[in-house]
Amino acid sequence: MPIIPDDPSAPRPRPVDAHVALPGGGAGTSPREIVDGVRSWVTSPPLRELVARFGGDWPAGDLAAVLAWLDDFSARHWDFRGGRERPEAREPALDPRTAALVLAAASALGLVRPVPPARPGYAHLVVLGGLAHACLRRVGYAAHLLRHGTQVAGEVAVLGSFRPLSGAELRALAEAGVAGGGTEVDALDAAVRLAFRVAGPAASEGVDAGHPDHSWSSRTYRPAGLPPVRVLAAPSSEPDRRRAHTADTQRFWAEHVRLSPGDPVLVVTAPIYVPFQHCDALRTLTVPYGCAIETVGVDPDVPDLARLPEPALTPGRHLQEIRSAIRSMRALHASLTGG
């Protein structure tokens, strides 16, 4: 992977004090304001410095052209998955100065530090699925928020798919003392039973279409003193090409709950995924339904989560998710401009 050779005389990455704001998701945010937020993030100094470090010359042109160029550039330099699942991504060999710059940029761009919810209450709380350990941590964090003052008027939606768990994920569940079944939605279901202290669902429905990418399921739990919790597995919107992804699950949930313009929705994920999943939520929930979106990452210092496994986040992982954010912002921009 070509990068600029290390130069001992070059300045070291400067400490990052300011956080680059994500595109706004508040009630009444206009399409123009969202586009301006995309522009501010993708043209920010931390991202420009990162591109330069990997040998890129910043492109000319409008925002659509810059996003297209960044998508192509990040595919060549920061895509370590090659179509594989995230745990199968390779880790690039980076010199220490480049690795430090990656971490500084990731921190400034919102992929490192967790931020607590800004509001005391929300219409709905959405927990996004992921790898097995992430399912445990995100559901546990949602339960922690609810038990420590965050109010939810509607439901807690725990969103996943029928993706099969890997051997490493099954071992992580076993080490945490959780019987998680064989799929992502099974792990989410087990996490809900554990974190919300419920034995079984109050209601279940779904369709078994004979293939996981065509099927869906919904299980609703009613924990004492807390809002209902729905565990939803979505079908893929392109079942002949791939499994369901984050946007599919968000869109599928929106079809099963009544969203009103201005409804504040809190989305919980891991800090490293906040930028890309926030923009996915803007595209799939704010643009068509007008609801307000706030996206937060799990706080690793919450005592309830201390026993749950958390993988090391490497420079390669951060570069991969900066690329994910770029691609999500490109899709968001296209949905707003018709590009």
Foldseek 3Di string as FASTA:
>chain_A
DAFDDDDPPDDFDDADDAAQDAQFQAFPQDLVSSLVRLVSLCPPPLNVVLCVRRPDDQDDDDPLVNLVVLLVSLVVPQDQQPPHAPVPGDDDDDDPRSQVSLVRSLVNHFQDDWDDDPDQEFQEEEEEFDQLLQLLQQLLLVLVSQVVGRYYNAEYEYFAFFAFHDPVSCVLCVQLVFDQPTGRLSSNVRSCCVNLVDDAFPDKDWDCPVDRLAIKIWGWHDRPPGHIYIRIHFHDPCSVPDGHDLLRRLLVVPVVDPAAAAGEYEYEGARNQQLLSQLSCCQRPCVPHNYGYDYTYRDCPDVSSVSGDDDDQGSSNSSNNVSSNSVSSSVSSCSSVVD
